[in-house]
């Protein structure tokens, strides 16, 4: 579920929509997600080292 803001409407007009109903908005969704700040991780990720086969 997504809560899109409808252009030209106030915040009270926002609604929850199924992601499948927004499939034609892919470019806009990607643009929106690229603007969001990335969450900071609490712990540093460890690199896994495997044995050579």
C-alpha atoms as a PDB file:
ATOM      1  CA  UNK A   1       0.000   0.000   0.000  1.00  0.00           C
ATOM      2  CA  UNK A   2       1.180   3.498  -0.805  1.00  0.00           C
ATOM      3  CA  UNK A   3      -0.107   6.898   0.247  1.00  0.00           C
ATOM      4  CA  UNK A   4       0.396   9.161  -2.773  1.00  0.00           C
ATOM      5  CA  UNK A   5      -0.140  12.907  -2.699  1.00  0.00           C
ATOM      6  CA  UNK A   6      -2.462  13.848  -5.530  1.00  0.00           C
ATOM      7  CA  UNK A   7      -1.161  16.857  -7.457  1.00  0.00           C
ATOM      8  CA  UNK A   8      -3.544  19.795  -7.217  1.00  0.00           C
ATOM      9  CA  UNK A   9      -5.299  18.453  -4.097  1.00  0.00           C
ATOM     10  CA  UNK A  10      -4.819  19.198  -0.404  1.00  0.00           C
ATOM     11  CA  UNK A  11      -3.354  16.803   2.151  1.00  0.00           C
ATOM     12  CA  UNK A  12      -6.861  15.872   3.296  1.00  0.00           C
ATOM     13  CA  UNK A  13      -7.419  14.328  -0.158  1.00  0.00           C
ATOM     14  CA  UNK A  14      -4.522  11.836   0.190  1.00  0.00           C
ATOM     15  CA  UNK A  15      -5.555   8.183   0.112  1.00  0.00           C
ATOM     16  CA  UNK A  16      -4.009   4.743   0.475  1.00  0.00           C
ATOM     17  CA  UNK A  17      -3.640   2.934  -2.850  1.00  0.00           C
ATOM     18  CA  UNK A  18      -2.509  -0.567  -3.754  1.00  0.00           C
ATOM     19  CA  UNK A  19       0.921  -0.519  -5.399  1.00  0.00           C
ATOM     20  CA  UNK A  20      -0.555  -2.291  -8.461  1.00  0.00           C
ATOM     21  CA  UNK A  21      -2.874   0.700  -8.992  1.00  0.00           C
ATOM     22  CA  UNK A  22       0.198   2.911  -9.322  1.00  0.00           C
ATOM     23  CA  UNK A  23       2.140   0.727 -11.774  1.00  0.00           C
ATOM     24  CA  UNK A  24       1.907   3.387 -14.498  1.00  0.00           C
ATOM     25  CA  UNK A  25       3.598   5.866 -12.147  1.00  0.00           C
ATOM     26  CA  UNK A  26       6.904   3.974 -11.947  1.00  0.00           C
ATOM     27  CA  UNK A  27       9.107   6.873 -13.039  1.00  0.00           C
ATOM     28  CA  UNK A  28       7.514   9.203 -10.504  1.00  0.00           C
ATOM     29  CA  UNK A  29       7.831   6.632  -7.722  1.00  0.00           C
ATOM     30  CA  UNK A  30      11.538   6.102  -8.527  1.00  0.00           C
ATOM     31  CA  UNK A  31      12.132   9.861  -8.562  1.00  0.00           C
ATOM     32  CA  UNK A  32      10.402  10.213  -5.185  1.00  0.00           C
ATOM     33  CA  UNK A  33      12.397   7.346  -3.661  1.00  0.00           C
ATOM     34  CA  UNK A  34      15.687   8.840  -4.923  1.00  0.00           C
ATOM     35  CA  UNK A  35      14.926  12.099  -3.079  1.00  0.00           C
ATOM     36  CA  UNK A  36      14.363  10.397   0.284  1.00  0.00           C
ATOM     37  CA  UNK A  37      17.382  10.417   2.591  1.00  0.00           C
ATOM     38  CA  UNK A  38      18.909   6.989   3.074  1.00  0.00           C
ATOM     39  CA  UNK A  39      18.500   5.674   6.631  1.00  0.00           C
ATOM     40  CA  UNK A  40      21.728   5.551   8.591  1.00  0.00           C
ATOM     41  CA  UNK A  41      22.751   2.088   9.674  1.00  0.00           C
ATOM     42  CA  UNK A  42      23.565   1.562  13.318  1.00  0.00           C
ATOM     43  CA  UNK A  43      26.239  -1.008  12.603  1.00  0.00           C
ATOM     44  CA  UNK A  44      28.828  -1.210   9.883  1.00  0.00           C
ATOM     45  CA  UNK A  45      28.110  -3.977   7.399  1.00  0.00           C
ATOM     46  CA  UNK A  46      30.598  -6.838   7.458  1.00  0.00           C
ATOM     47  CA  UNK A  47      31.990  -8.154   4.213  1.00  0.00           C
ATOM     48  CA  UNK A  48      31.696 -11.913   3.943  1.00  0.00           C
ATOM     49  CA  UNK A  49      34.747 -13.723   2.699  1.00  0.00           C
ATOM     50  CA  UNK A  50      34.309 -17.146   1.218  1.00  0.00           C
ATOM     51  CA  UNK A  51      36.838 -19.861   0.537  1.00  0.00           C
ATOM     52  CA  UNK A  52      38.035 -20.246  -3.020  1.00  0.00           C
ATOM     53  CA  UNK A  53      36.711 -23.380  -4.676  1.00  0.00           C
END
